[in-house]
Amino acid sequence: MSAAGGRIETVTPADLLAFEAAHPRHTPAKGEAIRRRLGISDARYYQLLIRAASSADGMAADPLTARRVRERTSERA
């Protein structure tokens, strides 16, 4: 995770899953942290998070959080 001015420039699947593990519930504070730290919208964060949770890199980095994200996504579908 490379940061410039408090923002992450390149977000990896491991970064997204670590952020999700630290902030498992969506709250207004989490939404603000997504915009401030990651520099992306909430909607884009969740798109990237679902992709990260399904990727080999994401599953290797944090299998528990990746599984939780995939299960939560399949419940909503």
N, C-alpha and C. Protein backbone atom coordinates (compact mmCIF):
# COMPACT_ATOMS: atom_id res chain seq x y z
N MET A 1 0.85 -1.16 0.00
CA MET A 1 0.00 0.00 0.00
C MET A 1 0.90 1.22 0.00
N SER A 2 0.92 1.99 -1.07
CA SER A 2 1.72 3.20 -1.10
C SER A 2 0.82 4.40 -0.87
N ALA A 3 1.26 5.27 0.01
CA ALA A 3 0.45 6.41 0.39
C ALA A 3 1.13 7.71 -0.01
N ALA A 4 0.33 8.65 -0.46
CA ALA A 4 0.82 9.98 -0.77
C ALA A 4 -0.21 10.97 -0.25
N GLY A 5 0.18 11.77 0.70
CA GLY A 5 -0.76 12.73 1.27
C GLY A 5 -1.88 12.06 2.03
N GLY A 6 -1.62 10.89 2.62
CA GLY A 6 -2.64 10.19 3.39
C GLY A 6 -3.53 9.28 2.56
N ARG A 7 -3.40 9.35 1.25
CA ARG A 7 -4.21 8.50 0.37
C ARG A 7 -3.39 7.36 -0.18
N ILE A 8 -4.04 6.26 -0.42
CA ILE A 8 -3.39 5.10 -1.01
C ILE A 8 -3.43 5.26 -2.53
N GLU A 9 -2.27 5.12 -3.17
CA GLU A 9 -2.22 5.26 -4.62
C GLU A 9 -2.56 3.96 -5.32
N THR A 10 -2.02 2.85 -4.83
CA THR A 10 -2.26 1.55 -5.42
C THR A 10 -2.86 0.65 -4.35
N VAL A 11 -4.04 0.13 -4.61
CA VAL A 11 -4.73 -0.71 -3.65
C VAL A 11 -4.68 -2.16 -4.13
N THR A 12 -4.11 -3.02 -3.32
CA THR A 12 -4.01 -4.44 -3.66
C THR A 12 -5.17 -5.20 -3.01
N PRO A 13 -5.43 -6.42 -3.46
CA PRO A 13 -6.45 -7.23 -2.79
C PRO A 13 -6.17 -7.38 -1.29
N ALA A 14 -4.91 -7.54 -0.92
CA ALA A 14 -4.56 -7.66 0.50
C ALA A 14 -4.91 -6.39 1.25
N ASP A 15 -4.68 -5.22 0.65
CA ASP A 15 -5.02 -3.94 1.28
C ASP A 15 -6.53 -3.84 1.51
N LEU A 16 -7.31 -4.19 0.51
CA LEU A 16 -8.76 -4.09 0.61
C LEU A 16 -9.29 -5.03 1.70
N LEU A 17 -8.77 -6.25 1.72
CA LEU A 17 -9.25 -7.20 2.72
C LEU A 17 -8.80 -6.83 4.13
N ALA A 18 -7.61 -6.25 4.26
CA ALA A 18 -7.15 -5.78 5.58
C ALA A 18 -8.04 -4.62 6.05
N PHE A 19 -8.39 -3.71 5.14
CA PHE A 19 -9.27 -2.60 5.49
C PHE A 19 -10.63 -3.14 5.92
N GLU A 20 -11.16 -4.10 5.17
CA GLU A 20 -12.46 -4.69 5.49
C GLU A 20 -12.42 -5.42 6.84
N ALA A 21 -11.32 -6.12 7.13
CA ALA A 21 -11.19 -6.81 8.41
C ALA A 21 -11.18 -5.82 9.56
N ALA A 22 -10.58 -4.65 9.35
CA ALA A 22 -10.53 -3.63 10.39
C ALA A 22 -11.86 -2.89 10.54
N HIS A 23 -12.66 -2.87 9.47
CA HIS A 23 -13.94 -2.15 9.46
C HIS A 23 -15.02 -3.06 8.88
N PRO A 24 -15.45 -4.09 9.60
CA PRO A 24 -16.36 -5.09 9.02
C PRO A 24 -17.79 -4.59 8.77
N ARG A 25 -18.25 -3.61 9.50
CA ARG A 25 -19.63 -3.12 9.32
C ARG A 25 -19.61 -1.79 8.62
N HIS A 26 -20.60 -1.58 7.76
CA HIS A 26 -20.66 -0.30 7.06
C HIS A 26 -21.31 0.73 7.98
N THR A 27 -20.55 1.74 8.30
CA THR A 27 -21.02 2.87 9.12
C THR A 27 -20.65 4.15 8.40
N PRO A 28 -21.21 5.28 8.82
CA PRO A 28 -20.77 6.54 8.21
C PRO A 28 -19.26 6.78 8.36
N ALA A 29 -18.70 6.36 9.49
CA ALA A 29 -17.25 6.52 9.71
C ALA A 29 -16.46 5.67 8.71
N LYS A 30 -16.95 4.48 8.40
CA LYS A 30 -16.27 3.63 7.43
C LYS A 30 -16.33 4.27 6.04
N GLY A 31 -17.47 4.80 5.69
CA GLY A 31 -17.61 5.48 4.40
C GLY A 31 -16.64 6.64 4.27
N GLU A 32 -16.49 7.39 5.33
CA GLU A 32 -15.54 8.51 5.33
C GLU A 32 -14.11 8.00 5.23
N ALA A 33 -13.79 6.93 5.94
CA ALA A 33 -12.44 6.35 5.88
C ALA A 33 -12.13 5.82 4.48
N ILE A 34 -13.12 5.24 3.82
CA ILE A 34 -12.93 4.76 2.45
C ILE A 34 -12.55 5.93 1.55
N ARG A 35 -13.30 7.00 1.63
CA ARG A 35 -13.03 8.16 0.77
C ARG A 35 -11.70 8.82 1.13
N ARG A 36 -11.41 8.95 2.42
CA ARG A 36 -10.20 9.64 2.86
C ARG A 36 -8.93 8.80 2.62
N ARG A 37 -8.94 7.55 3.05
CA ARG A 37 -7.74 6.72 2.99
C ARG A 37 -7.53 6.06 1.63
N LEU A 38 -8.61 5.63 1.01
CA LEU A 38 -8.48 4.92 -0.26
C LEU A 38 -8.68 5.83 -1.46
N GLY A 39 -9.35 6.97 -1.25
CA GLY A 39 -9.55 7.92 -2.33
C GLY A 39 -10.53 7.45 -3.38
N ILE A 40 -11.48 6.59 -2.99
CA ILE A 40 -12.49 6.08 -3.93
C ILE A 40 -13.86 6.17 -3.28
N SER A 41 -14.90 6.04 -4.07
CA SER A 41 -16.26 6.08 -3.54
C SER A 41 -16.58 4.76 -2.84
N ASP A 42 -17.61 4.79 -2.02
CA ASP A 42 -18.05 3.57 -1.34
C ASP A 42 -18.41 2.49 -2.35
N ALA A 43 -19.14 2.88 -3.40
CA ALA A 43 -19.57 1.90 -4.40
C ALA A 43 -18.36 1.24 -5.07
N ARG A 44 -17.36 2.04 -5.42
CA ARG A 44 -16.16 1.49 -6.06
C ARG A 44 -15.41 0.58 -5.09
N TYR A 45 -15.36 0.96 -3.80
CA TYR A 45 -14.71 0.12 -2.79
C TYR A 45 -15.34 -1.27 -2.76
N TYR A 46 -16.67 -1.32 -2.73
CA TYR A 46 -17.34 -2.62 -2.65
C TYR A 46 -17.16 -3.43 -3.93
N GLN A 47 -17.12 -2.77 -5.09
CA GLN A 47 -16.83 -3.50 -6.33
C GLN A 47 -15.44 -4.14 -6.27
N LEU A 48 -14.47 -3.35 -5.85
CA LEU A 48 -13.09 -3.86 -5.76
C LEU A 48 -12.96 -4.91 -4.67
N LEU A 49 -13.67 -4.73 -3.56
CA LEU A 49 -13.61 -5.69 -2.46
C LEU A 49 -14.14 -7.06 -2.89
N ILE A 50 -15.24 -7.08 -3.61
CA ILE A 50 -15.80 -8.35 -4.08
C ILE A 50 -14.83 -9.02 -5.06
N ARG A 51 -14.23 -8.24 -5.93
CA ARG A 51 -13.24 -8.79 -6.85
C ARG A 51 -12.03 -9.32 -6.09
N ALA A 52 -11.58 -8.59 -5.08
CA ALA A 52 -10.42 -9.02 -4.28
C ALA A 52 -10.73 -10.31 -3.52
N ALA A 53 -11.95 -10.41 -2.98
CA ALA A 53 -12.33 -11.59 -2.20
C ALA A 53 -12.41 -12.84 -3.07
N SER A 54 -12.61 -12.65 -4.36
CA SER A 54 -12.71 -13.79 -5.28
C SER A 54 -11.39 -14.11 -5.97
N SER A 55 -10.40 -13.26 -5.79
CA SER A 55 -9.12 -13.47 -6.48
C SER A 55 -8.22 -14.41 -5.68
N ALA A 56 -7.30 -15.05 -6.38
CA ALA A 56 -6.34 -15.93 -5.72
C ALA A 56 -5.47 -15.15 -4.74
N ASP A 57 -5.07 -13.93 -5.12
CA ASP A 57 -4.26 -13.11 -4.22
C ASP A 57 -5.02 -12.76 -2.94
N GLY A 58 -6.28 -12.41 -3.09
CA GLY A 58 -7.09 -12.07 -1.92
C GLY A 58 -7.31 -13.26 -1.01
N MET A 59 -7.61 -14.41 -1.59
CA MET A 59 -7.84 -15.61 -0.78
C MET A 59 -6.56 -16.04 -0.06
N ALA A 60 -5.41 -15.83 -0.70
CA ALA A 60 -4.14 -16.17 -0.06
C ALA A 60 -3.80 -15.18 1.06
N ALA A 61 -4.13 -13.89 0.85
CA ALA A 61 -3.78 -12.85 1.81
C ALA A 61 -4.61 -12.94 3.09
N ASP A 62 -5.91 -13.17 2.96
CA ASP A 62 -6.79 -13.21 4.13
C ASP A 62 -7.99 -14.10 3.81
N PRO A 63 -7.81 -15.41 3.95
CA PRO A 63 -8.88 -16.33 3.55
C PRO A 63 -10.17 -16.15 4.36
N LEU A 64 -10.06 -15.82 5.62
CA LEU A 64 -11.25 -15.67 6.45
C LEU A 64 -12.10 -14.48 6.01
N THR A 65 -11.46 -13.33 5.84
CA THR A 65 -12.19 -12.14 5.41
C THR A 65 -12.70 -12.32 3.98
N ALA A 66 -11.91 -12.93 3.12
CA ALA A 66 -12.35 -13.17 1.74
C ALA A 66 -13.61 -14.04 1.73
N ARG A 67 -13.62 -15.09 2.53
CA ARG A 67 -14.80 -15.96 2.59
C ARG A 67 -16.01 -15.21 3.14
N ARG A 68 -15.79 -14.39 4.17
CA ARG A 68 -16.90 -13.63 4.76
C ARG A 68 -17.49 -12.67 3.74
N VAL A 69 -16.65 -12.01 2.96
CA VAL A 69 -17.13 -11.08 1.93
C VAL A 69 -17.91 -11.84 0.86
N ARG A 70 -17.37 -12.96 0.41
CA ARG A 70 -18.09 -13.76 -0.62
C ARG A 70 -19.42 -14.25 -0.10
N GLU A 71 -19.48 -14.73 1.14
CA GLU A 71 -20.74 -15.22 1.71
C GLU A 71 -21.76 -14.10 1.84
N ARG A 72 -21.30 -12.94 2.30
CA ARG A 72 -22.19 -11.79 2.47
C ARG A 72 -22.74 -11.36 1.11
N THR A 73 -21.90 -11.42 0.09
CA THR A 73 -22.31 -11.04 -1.26
C THR A 73 -23.35 -12.02 -1.82
N SER A 74 -23.11 -13.32 -1.59
CA SER A 74 -24.05 -14.32 -2.11
C SER A 74 -25.39 -14.27 -1.38
N GLU A 75 -25.41 -13.84 -0.13
CA GLU A 75 -26.67 -13.70 0.61
C GLU A 75 -27.53 -12.60 0.03
N ARG A 76 -26.90 -11.56 -0.51
CA ARG A 76 -27.63 -10.41 -1.05
C ARG A 76 -28.11 -10.64 -2.47
N ALA A 77 -27.53 -11.61 -3.14
CA ALA A 77 -27.87 -11.85 -4.55
C ALA A 77 -29.18 -12.58 -4.70
